[in-house]
Amino acid sequence: MSDIPFAATTPVRVAKIGLKARDAESLAAYYQDIVGLKEMARRGSAIVLGAGERELIEIEQFSAAKADDPRSAGLYHTAFLLPSRGDLARWARQAIDRHISIAGASDHLVSEAIYLTDPEGNGVEIYADRPQTSWQWDGETIAMATEALDVGALLRDLGGRMWQGAPDNTVIGHVHLRVGDAAEAEGWWHRELGFDTMQTYGDRAVFLSSGGYHHHIAVNSWQSPRAGKRDKDRAGLAWVELEDMRGGKGRSLEDPWGNVIVVSGEQ
């Protein structure tokens, strides 16, 4: 079994995400079929999915919800981090064989990623990190880019095995949020969670983390400049749960646009 990824060993890390769905059954079926998660529990109107023994996503039925608006604050994508490059290769191989529709495929220098959009418009990233020792730094800023993914090179790492669902130690490596102002969001994450800025893309996107990971949280205003508070009656993001191992108490926060961040203290 692969080791747990570095992203999940830092002082603060992403634990789980909650989604509000207009059709929770259909959405849960997508994450099981396409992402490879398994159903772990049902809690009231919510379906809980995960990998191994780890819960990763909770999908709550909200029949009256309006469709999410990509111009508003909310979820840009949830990024499922696979334990190894071979796992990503196996996911890609079966996606090609099944003609699964993707939204993009990128080499970010620190990672390789494939992007999708779920049936209710939520972005999904499936990725694998490159070895931490290969990451390039300029002082405290990490080198990241968006280049075309070399799918042929990736598939050479299949290792003779086939995709059999999200393996043990799959985690949510990062969550990317839509906000109204990236610089304001950057300050909020510094103050409230003590996150470090790892990279910025102009004045519209910021990548932040704990413990030297390339990013646990990204924020952007590419489609949502000057967005106001998130409409609670829309489908999409319900909350992001972070684990804080620094000894603090659990708490619930909202960023300036109403994105809910639940922080659980050390168990």
C-alpha atoms as a PDB file:
ATOM      1  CA  MET A   1       0.000   0.000   0.000  1.00  0.00           C
ATOM      2  CA  SER A   2       1.279   3.471  -0.861  1.00  0.00           C
ATOM      3  CA  ASP A   3       2.250   5.907   1.851  1.00  0.00           C
ATOM      4  CA  ILE A   4      -0.090   8.743   2.723  1.00  0.00           C
ATOM      5  CA  PRO A   5       0.675  11.776   0.520  1.00  0.00           C
ATOM      6  CA  PHE A   6       2.691  14.674   1.923  1.00  0.00           C
ATOM      7  CA  ALA A   7      -0.352  16.969   1.578  1.00  0.00           C
ATOM      8  CA  ALA A   8      -2.100  15.053   4.380  1.00  0.00           C
ATOM      9  CA  THR A   9       0.825  15.156   6.832  1.00  0.00           C
ATOM     10  CA  THR A  10       1.141  18.927   7.297  1.00  0.00           C
ATOM     11  CA  PRO A  11       0.014  20.856  10.422  1.00  0.00           C
ATOM     12  CA  VAL A  12      -3.217  21.886   8.661  1.00  0.00           C
ATOM     13  CA  ARG A  13      -4.656  19.851   5.819  1.00  0.00           C
ATOM     14  CA  VAL A  14      -7.899  19.327   3.926  1.00  0.00           C
ATOM     15  CA  ALA A  15     -10.023  16.560   5.415  1.00  0.00           C
ATOM     16  CA  LYS A  16     -13.334  16.535   3.585  1.00  0.00           C
ATOM     17  CA  ILE A  17     -15.716  18.619   1.506  1.00  0.00           C
ATOM     18  CA  GLY A  18     -19.478  18.991   1.679  1.00  0.00           C
ATOM     19  CA  LEU A  19     -21.663  19.542  -1.376  1.00  0.00           C
ATOM     20  CA  LYS A  20     -25.318  20.495  -1.657  1.00  0.00           C
ATOM     21  CA  ALA A  21     -26.909  18.596  -4.531  1.00  0.00           C
ATOM     22  CA  ARG A  22     -30.146  18.856  -6.431  1.00  0.00           C
ATOM     23  CA  ASP A  23     -29.898  15.087  -6.988  1.00  0.00           C
ATOM     24  CA  ALA A  24     -27.622  13.556  -4.364  1.00  0.00           C
ATOM     25  CA  GLU A  25     -28.084   9.983  -5.591  1.00  0.00           C
ATOM     26  CA  SER A  26     -27.030  10.858  -9.124  1.00  0.00           C
ATOM     27  CA  LEU A  27     -24.095  12.955  -7.947  1.00  0.00           C
ATOM     28  CA  ALA A  28     -22.900  10.225  -5.569  1.00  0.00           C
ATOM     29  CA  ALA A  29     -23.100   7.710  -8.406  1.00  0.00           C
ATOM     30  CA  TYR A  30     -20.833   9.964 -10.490  1.00  0.00           C
ATOM     31  CA  TYR A  31     -18.150  10.202  -7.803  1.00  0.00           C
ATOM     32  CA  GLN A  32     -18.273   6.438  -7.345  1.00  0.00           C
ATOM     33  CA  ASP A  33     -18.170   5.591 -11.045  1.00  0.00           C
ATOM     34  CA  ILE A  34     -15.798   8.282 -12.309  1.00  0.00           C
ATOM     35  CA  VAL A  35     -13.598   9.213  -9.329  1.00  0.00           C
ATOM     36  CA  GLY A  36     -13.645   5.703  -7.884  1.00  0.00           C
ATOM     37  CA  LEU A  37     -14.874   6.534  -4.386  1.00  0.00           C
ATOM     38  CA  LYS A  38     -17.014   4.135  -2.364  1.00  0.00           C
ATOM     39  CA  GLU A  39     -20.108   4.770  -0.249  1.00  0.00           C
ATOM     40  CA  MET A  40     -19.179   4.754   3.430  1.00  0.00           C
ATOM     41  CA  ALA A  41     -22.280   5.993   5.243  1.00  0.00           C
ATOM     42  CA  ARG A  42     -25.661   7.698   5.007  1.00  0.00           C
ATOM     43  CA  ARG A  43     -26.469  10.415   7.519  1.00  0.00           C
ATOM     44  CA  GLY A  44     -29.968  11.751   7.187  1.00  0.00           C
ATOM     45  CA  SER A  45     -30.241  13.186   3.678  1.00  0.00           C
ATOM     46  CA  ALA A  46     -26.464  13.008   3.080  1.00  0.00           C
ATOM     47  CA  ILE A  47     -24.400  10.356   1.301  1.00  0.00           C
ATOM     48  CA  VAL A  48     -20.804  10.002   2.508  1.00  0.00           C
ATOM     49  CA  LEU A  49     -18.129   8.750   0.114  1.00  0.00           C
ATOM     50  CA  GLY A  50     -14.450   8.037   0.592  1.00  0.00           C
ATOM     51  CA  ALA A  51     -11.461   5.808  -0.081  1.00  0.00           C
ATOM     52  CA  GLY A  52      -9.950   3.220   2.215  1.00  0.00           C
ATOM     53  CA  GLU A  53     -11.160   4.178   5.697  1.00  0.00           C
ATOM     54  CA  ARG A  54     -11.112   7.927   4.957  1.00  0.00           C
ATOM     55  CA  GLU A  55     -14.276   9.956   4.376  1.00  0.00           C
ATOM     56  CA  LEU A  56     -13.705  12.536   1.655  1.00  0.00           C
ATOM     57  CA  ILE A  57     -17.007  13.967   0.436  1.00  0.00           C
ATOM     58  CA  GLU A  58     -20.473  14.384   1.916  1.00  0.00           C
ATOM     59  CA  ILE A  59     -23.277  15.026  -0.568  1.00  0.00           C
ATOM     60  CA  GLU A  60     -26.472  16.418   0.907  1.00  0.00           C
ATOM     61  CA  GLN A  61     -29.802  16.336  -0.897  1.00  0.00           C
ATOM     62  CA  PHE A  62     -31.200  19.872  -1.397  1.00  0.00           C
ATOM     63  CA  SER A  63     -34.060  19.420  -3.844  1.00  0.00           C
ATOM     64  CA  ALA A  64     -35.088  23.088  -3.886  1.00  0.00           C
ATOM     65  CA  ALA A  65     -31.582  24.365  -4.612  1.00  0.00           C
ATOM     66  CA  LYS A  66     -30.942  26.665  -7.525  1.00  0.00           C
ATOM     67  CA  ALA A  67     -28.153  25.627  -9.879  1.00  0.00           C
ATOM     68  CA  ASP A  68     -24.734  26.922  -8.910  1.00  0.00           C
ATOM     69  CA  ASP A  69     -23.570  30.127 -10.595  1.00  0.00           C
ATOM     70  CA  PRO A  70     -19.903  30.040 -11.751  1.00  0.00           C
ATOM     71  CA  ARG A  71     -19.794  33.857 -11.540  1.00  0.00           C
ATOM     72  CA  SER A  72     -20.482  33.742  -7.802  1.00  0.00           C
ATOM     73  CA  ALA A  73     -18.341  32.717  -4.837  1.00  0.00           C
ATOM     74  CA  GLY A  74     -18.131  29.014  -4.199  1.00  0.00           C
ATOM     75  CA  LEU A  75     -16.299  25.903  -5.369  1.00  0.00           C
ATOM     76  CA  TYR A  76     -13.963  26.022  -8.359  1.00  0.00           C
ATOM     77  CA  HIS A  77     -12.820  22.436  -7.932  1.00  0.00           C
ATOM     78  CA  THR A  78     -12.149  19.646  -5.470  1.00  0.00           C
ATOM     79  CA  ALA A  79      -8.763  18.022  -6.065  1.00  0.00           C
ATOM     80  CA  PHE A  80      -8.475  14.303  -5.303  1.00  0.00           C
ATOM     81  CA  LEU A  81      -4.825  13.425  -4.744  1.00  0.00           C
ATOM     82  CA  LEU A  82      -3.875   9.857  -5.651  1.00  0.00           C
ATOM     83  CA  PRO A  83      -0.972   8.255  -3.770  1.00  0.00           C
ATOM     84  CA  SER A  84       1.241   7.671  -6.823  1.00  0.00           C
ATOM     85  CA  ARG A  85       1.828   8.589 -10.456  1.00  0.00           C
ATOM     86  CA  GLY A  86       1.026   4.992 -11.346  1.00  0.00           C
ATOM     87  CA  ASP A  87      -2.437   5.443  -9.828  1.00  0.00           C
ATOM     88  CA  LEU A  88      -3.008   8.505 -12.029  1.00  0.00           C
ATOM     89  CA  ALA A  89      -1.799   6.546 -15.051  1.00  0.00           C
ATOM     90  CA  ARG A  90      -4.254   3.750 -14.265  1.00  0.00           C
ATOM     91  CA  TRP A  91      -7.104   6.250 -13.854  1.00  0.00           C
ATOM     92  CA  ALA A  92      -6.174   7.883 -17.180  1.00  0.00           C
ATOM     93  CA  ARG A  93      -5.978   4.545 -19.007  1.00  0.00           C
ATOM     94  CA  GLN A  94      -9.482   3.518 -18.003  1.00  0.00           C
ATOM     95  CA  ALA A  95     -10.800   7.031 -18.735  1.00  0.00           C
ATOM     96  CA  ILE A  96      -9.438   6.751 -22.273  1.00  0.00           C
ATOM     97  CA  ASP A  97     -10.869   3.256 -22.689  1.00  0.00           C
ATOM     98  CA  ARG A  98     -14.290   4.381 -21.421  1.00  0.00           C
ATOM     99  CA  HIS A  99     -14.298   7.666 -23.381  1.00  0.00           C
ATOM    100  CA  ILE A 100     -14.830   9.672 -20.195  1.00  0.00           C
ATOM    101  CA  SER A 101     -15.217  13.353 -21.015  1.00  0.00           C
ATOM    102  CA  ILE A 102     -12.554  15.559 -19.435  1.00  0.00           C
ATOM    103  CA  ALA A 103     -12.246  19.337 -19.151  1.00  0.00           C
ATOM    104  CA  GLY A 104      -8.453  19.495 -19.342  1.00  0.00           C
ATOM    105  CA  ALA A 105      -5.123  17.855 -18.533  1.00  0.00           C
ATOM    106  CA  SER A 106      -2.126  19.793 -17.222  1.00  0.00           C
ATOM    107  CA  ASP A 107       1.440  19.504 -16.030  1.00  0.00           C
ATOM    108  CA  HIS A 108       1.880  21.924 -13.111  1.00  0.00           C
ATOM    109  CA  LEU A 109       5.572  21.046 -12.513  1.00  0.00           C
ATOM    110  CA  VAL A 110       4.790  20.037  -8.921  1.00  0.00           C
ATOM    111  CA  SER A 111       1.983  17.745 -10.043  1.00  0.00           C
ATOM    112  CA  GLU A 112       0.159  16.226 -13.002  1.00  0.00           C
ATOM    113  CA  ALA A 113      -3.591  16.719 -13.172  1.00  0.00           C
ATOM    114  CA  ILE A 114      -6.711  15.786 -15.107  1.00  0.00           C
ATOM    115  CA  TYR A 115      -9.841  17.922 -14.817  1.00  0.00           C
ATOM    116  CA  LEU A 116     -13.533  17.064 -15.057  1.00  0.00           C
ATOM    117  CA  THR A 117     -16.897  18.669 -14.344  1.00  0.00           C
ATOM    118  CA  ASP A 118     -19.502  16.740 -12.369  1.00  0.00           C
ATOM    119  CA  PRO A 119     -23.181  16.611 -13.432  1.00  0.00           C
ATOM    120  CA  GLU A 120     -24.101  19.638 -11.274  1.00  0.00           C
ATOM    121  CA  GLY A 121     -21.244  21.813 -12.519  1.00  0.00           C
ATOM    122  CA  ASN A 122     -18.701  21.300  -9.717  1.00  0.00           C
ATOM    123  CA  GLY A 123     -15.111  21.139 -10.877  1.00  0.00           C
ATOM    124  CA  VAL A 124     -13.115  17.986 -10.133  1.00  0.00           C
ATOM    125  CA  GLU A 125      -9.360  17.469 -10.339  1.00  0.00           C
ATOM    126  CA  ILE A 126      -7.687  14.076 -10.174  1.00  0.00           C
ATOM    127  CA  TYR A 127      -3.946  14.409  -9.698  1.00  0.00           C
ATOM    128  CA  ALA A 128      -0.671  12.990  -8.475  1.00  0.00           C
ATOM    129  CA  ASP A 129       2.214  14.953  -7.023  1.00  0.00           C
ATOM    130  CA  ARG A 130       5.719  14.811  -8.332  1.00  0.00           C
ATOM    131  CA  PRO A 131       8.303  13.942  -5.649  1.00  0.00           C
ATOM    132  CA  GLN A 132       8.710  16.787  -3.188  1.00  0.00           C
ATOM    133  CA  THR A 133      12.472  16.705  -3.778  1.00  0.00           C
ATOM    134  CA  SER A 134      11.909  17.745  -7.413  1.00  0.00           C
ATOM    135  CA  TRP A 135       9.937  20.905  -6.601  1.00  0.00           C
ATOM    136  CA  GLN A 136      11.742  24.117  -7.531  1.00  0.00           C
ATOM    137  CA  TRP A 137      11.781  27.159  -5.249  1.00  0.00           C
ATOM    138  CA  ASP A 138      12.615  30.842  -5.555  1.00  0.00           C
ATOM    139  CA  GLY A 139      12.960  31.761  -1.900  1.00  0.00           C
ATOM    140  CA  GLU A 140       9.561  31.002  -0.363  1.00  0.00           C
ATOM    141  CA  THR A 141       7.763  30.882  -3.727  1.00  0.00           C
ATOM    142  CA  ILE A 142       7.267  27.538  -5.432  1.00  0.00           C
ATOM    143  CA  ALA A 143       7.543  27.132  -9.194  1.00  0.00           C
ATOM    144  CA  MET A 144       4.228  26.094 -10.739  1.00  0.00           C
ATOM    145  CA  ALA A 145       2.958  26.354 -14.301  1.00  0.00           C
ATOM    146  CA  THR A 146       0.153  25.141 -16.526  1.00  0.00           C
ATOM    147  CA  GLU A 147       1.613  23.138 -19.379  1.00  0.00           C
ATOM    148  CA  ALA A 148       0.161  20.355 -21.499  1.00  0.00           C
ATOM    149  CA  LEU A 149       0.149  16.968 -19.796  1.00  0.00           C
ATOM    150  CA  ASP A 150       2.313  14.393 -21.571  1.00  0.00           C
ATOM    151  CA  VAL A 151      -0.248  11.605 -21.511  1.00  0.00           C
ATOM    152  CA  GLY A 152       2.027   9.171 -23.333  1.00  0.00           C
ATOM    153  CA  ALA A 153       4.734   9.559 -20.706  1.00  0.00           C
ATOM    154  CA  LEU A 154       2.152   9.198 -17.945  1.00  0.00           C
ATOM    155  CA  LEU A 155       0.783   5.958 -19.382  1.00  0.00           C
ATOM    156  CA  ARG A 156       4.248   4.415 -19.381  1.00  0.00           C
ATOM    157  CA  ASP A 157       3.918   4.375 -15.575  1.00  0.00           C
ATOM    158  CA  LEU A 158       0.949   1.977 -15.548  1.00  0.00           C
ATOM    159  CA  GLY A 159       2.957  -0.750 -13.854  1.00  0.00           C
ATOM    160  CA  GLY A 160       0.963  -3.575 -15.416  1.00  0.00           C
ATOM    161  CA  ARG A 161      -2.087  -3.041 -13.219  1.00  0.00           C
ATOM    162  CA  MET A 162      -5.569  -1.724 -13.967  1.00  0.00           C
ATOM    163  CA  TRP A 163      -7.686   0.896 -12.194  1.00  0.00           C
ATOM    164  CA  GLN A 164      -9.803  -0.670  -9.442  1.00  0.00           C
ATOM    165  CA  GLY A 165     -11.171   2.456  -7.803  1.00  0.00           C
ATOM    166  CA  ALA A 166      -9.554   5.131  -5.659  1.00  0.00           C
ATOM    167  CA  PRO A 167      -6.803   3.383  -3.685  1.00  0.00           C
ATOM    168  CA  ASP A 168      -6.241   3.550   0.050  1.00  0.00           C
ATOM    169  CA  ASN A 169      -4.561   6.831   1.043  1.00  0.00           C
ATOM    170  CA  THR A 170      -6.352   8.825  -1.630  1.00  0.00           C
ATOM    171  CA  VAL A 171      -6.993  12.220  -0.036  1.00  0.00           C
ATOM    172  CA  ILE A 172      -8.328  15.638  -0.956  1.00  0.00           C
ATOM    173  CA  GLY A 173      -5.019  17.344  -1.578  1.00  0.00           C
ATOM    174  CA  HIS A 174      -6.460  20.798  -2.110  1.00  0.00           C
ATOM    175  CA  VAL A 175      -9.639  22.762  -2.674  1.00  0.00           C
ATOM    176  CA  HIS A 176      -9.856  25.647  -5.126  1.00  0.00           C
ATOM    177  CA  LEU A 177     -12.419  28.334  -4.297  1.00  0.00           C
ATOM    178  CA  ARG A 178     -14.090  31.143  -6.218  1.00  0.00           C
ATOM    179  CA  VAL A 179     -13.910  34.492  -4.442  1.00  0.00           C
ATOM    180  CA  GLY A 180     -14.603  38.121  -5.225  1.00  0.00           C
ATOM    181  CA  ASP A 181     -11.082  39.403  -4.584  1.00  0.00           C
ATOM    182  CA  ALA A 182      -7.992  37.177  -4.492  1.00  0.00           C
ATOM    183  CA  ALA A 183      -5.847  39.602  -2.484  1.00  0.00           C
ATOM    184  CA  GLU A 184      -8.529  39.993   0.179  1.00  0.00           C
ATOM    185  CA  ALA A 185      -8.886  36.209   0.354  1.00  0.00           C
ATOM    186  CA  GLU A 186      -5.111  35.853   0.700  1.00  0.00           C
ATOM    187  CA  GLY A 187      -5.133  38.131   3.744  1.00  0.00           C
ATOM    188  CA  TRP A 188      -8.043  36.249   5.276  1.00  0.00           C
ATOM    189  CA  TRP A 189      -6.265  32.877   4.980  1.00  0.00           C
ATOM    190  CA  HIS A 190      -3.125  34.387   6.503  1.00  0.00           C
ATOM    191  CA  ARG A 191      -4.991  35.811   9.488  1.00  0.00           C
ATOM    192  CA  GLU A 192      -7.514  33.087  10.204  1.00  0.00           C
ATOM    193  CA  LEU A 193      -5.573  29.880   9.456  1.00  0.00           C
ATOM    194  CA  GLY A 194      -1.942  30.995   9.367  1.00  0.00           C
ATOM    195  CA  PHE A 195      -1.510  29.754   5.810  1.00  0.00           C
ATOM    196  CA  ASP A 196       1.509  30.763   3.733  1.00  0.00           C
ATOM    197  CA  THR A 197       1.330  32.139   0.215  1.00  0.00           C
ATOM    198  CA  MET A 198       3.134  29.745  -2.117  1.00  0.00           C
ATOM    199  CA  GLN A 199       2.451  31.356  -5.501  1.00  0.00           C
ATOM    200  CA  THR A 200       0.291  33.997  -7.164  1.00  0.00           C
ATOM    201  CA  TYR A 201      -0.976  34.238 -10.737  1.00  0.00           C
ATOM    202  CA  GLY A 202      -1.327  37.937 -11.410  1.00  0.00           C
ATOM    203  CA  ASP A 203      -3.879  39.615  -9.153  1.00  0.00           C
ATOM    204  CA  ARG A 204      -6.632  37.046  -9.741  1.00  0.00           C
ATOM    205  CA  ALA A 205      -5.333  33.809  -8.164  1.00  0.00           C
ATOM    206  CA  VAL A 206      -3.402  32.868  -5.021  1.00  0.00           C
ATOM    207  CA  PHE A 207      -2.137  29.458  -3.857  1.00  0.00           C
ATOM    208  CA  LEU A 208      -1.762  28.920  -0.101  1.00  0.00           C
ATOM    209  CA  SER A 209      -0.683  26.099   2.177  1.00  0.00           C
ATOM    210  CA  SER A 210       0.466  24.809   5.522  1.00  0.00           C
ATOM    211  CA  GLY A 211       3.777  23.083   6.160  1.00  0.00           C
ATOM    212  CA  GLY A 212       5.418  23.687   2.795  1.00  0.00           C
ATOM    213  CA  TYR A 213       2.939  21.860   0.548  1.00  0.00           C
ATOM    214  CA  HIS A 214       2.455  23.500  -2.859  1.00  0.00           C
ATOM    215  CA  HIS A 215      -1.152  24.387  -2.005  1.00  0.00           C
ATOM    216  CA  HIS A 216      -3.972  23.171   0.192  1.00  0.00           C
ATOM    217  CA  ILE A 217      -6.212  26.085  -0.786  1.00  0.00           C
ATOM    218  CA  ALA A 218      -6.342  28.101  -3.980  1.00  0.00           C
ATOM    219  CA  VAL A 219      -8.558  31.134  -4.514  1.00  0.00           C
ATOM    220  CA  ASN A 220      -9.383  32.900  -7.742  1.00  0.00           C
ATOM    221  CA  SER A 221     -11.620  35.638  -9.107  1.00  0.00           C
ATOM    222  CA  TRP A 222     -11.240  34.665 -12.756  1.00  0.00           C
ATOM    223  CA  GLN A 223     -15.006  34.364 -13.287  1.00  0.00           C
ATOM    224  CA  SER A 224     -16.201  36.000 -10.070  1.00  0.00           C
ATOM    225  CA  PRO A 225     -14.614  39.465  -9.719  1.00  0.00           C
ATOM    226  CA  ARG A 226     -16.409  41.604  -7.114  1.00  0.00           C
ATOM    227  CA  ALA A 227     -18.715  38.697  -6.205  1.00  0.00           C
ATOM    228  CA  GLY A 228     -20.813  39.212  -3.093  1.00  0.00           C
ATOM    229  CA  LYS A 229     -21.883  36.718  -0.440  1.00  0.00           C
ATOM    230  CA  ARG A 230     -22.613  33.219  -1.638  1.00  0.00           C
ATOM    231  CA  ASP A 231     -26.328  32.404  -2.002  1.00  0.00           C
ATOM    232  CA  LYS A 232     -27.050  29.635   0.517  1.00  0.00           C
ATOM    233  CA  ASP A 233     -29.931  28.416  -1.645  1.00  0.00           C
ATOM    234  CA  ARG A 234     -27.622  27.344  -4.475  1.00  0.00           C
ATOM    235  CA  ALA A 235     -26.279  23.880  -5.098  1.00  0.00           C
ATOM    236  CA  GLY A 236     -22.535  23.390  -4.898  1.00  0.00           C
ATOM    237  CA  LEU A 237     -20.231  24.087  -2.007  1.00  0.00           C
ATOM    238  CA  ALA A 238     -21.630  23.499   1.477  1.00  0.00           C
ATOM    239  CA  TRP A 239     -18.357  23.539   3.430  1.00  0.00           C
ATOM    240  CA  VAL A 240     -14.687  22.632   3.425  1.00  0.00           C
ATOM    241  CA  GLU A 241     -13.361  20.773   6.473  1.00  0.00           C
ATOM    242  CA  LEU A 242      -9.750  21.253   7.539  1.00  0.00           C
ATOM    243  CA  GLU A 243      -7.850  19.263  10.160  1.00  0.00           C
ATOM    244  CA  ASP A 244      -5.706  21.465  12.397  1.00  0.00           C
ATOM    245  CA  MET A 245      -3.092  19.477  14.302  1.00  0.00           C
ATOM    246  CA  ARG A 246      -1.588  22.485  16.103  1.00  0.00           C
ATOM    247  CA  GLY A 247      -3.602  21.997  19.275  1.00  0.00           C
ATOM    248  CA  GLY A 248      -6.381  24.528  18.746  1.00  0.00           C
ATOM    249  CA  LYS A 249     -10.112  24.042  19.229  1.00  0.00           C
ATOM    250  CA  GLY A 250     -12.550  23.225  16.482  1.00  0.00           C
ATOM    251  CA  ARG A 251     -14.417  26.137  14.950  1.00  0.00           C
ATOM    252  CA  SER A 252     -16.479  27.176  11.964  1.00  0.00           C
ATOM    253  CA  LEU A 253     -15.566  30.197   9.850  1.00  0.00           C
ATOM    254  CA  GLU A 254     -16.868  31.993   6.800  1.00  0.00           C
ATOM    255  CA  ASP A 255     -14.611  33.820   4.403  1.00  0.00           C
ATOM    256  CA  PRO A 256     -15.756  37.273   3.223  1.00  0.00           C
ATOM    257  CA  TRP A 257     -17.881  35.640   0.486  1.00  0.00           C
ATOM    258  CA  GLY A 258     -19.664  33.129   2.695  1.00  0.00           C
ATOM    259  CA  ASN A 259     -17.579  30.060   1.833  1.00  0.00           C
ATOM    260  CA  VAL A 260     -17.813  27.942   4.996  1.00  0.00           C
ATOM    261  CA  ILE A 261     -14.579  26.540   6.437  1.00  0.00           C
ATOM    262  CA  VAL A 262     -14.981  24.020   9.284  1.00  0.00           C
ATOM    263  CA  VAL A 263     -11.824  23.483  11.320  1.00  0.00           C
ATOM    264  CA  SER A 264     -11.545  20.363  13.435  1.00  0.00           C
ATOM    265  CA  GLY A 265      -8.956  20.363  16.234  1.00  0.00           C
ATOM    266  CA  GLU A 266      -6.467  17.606  16.987  1.00  0.00           C
ATOM    267  CA  GLN A 267      -8.218  14.419  18.092  1.00  0.00           C
END
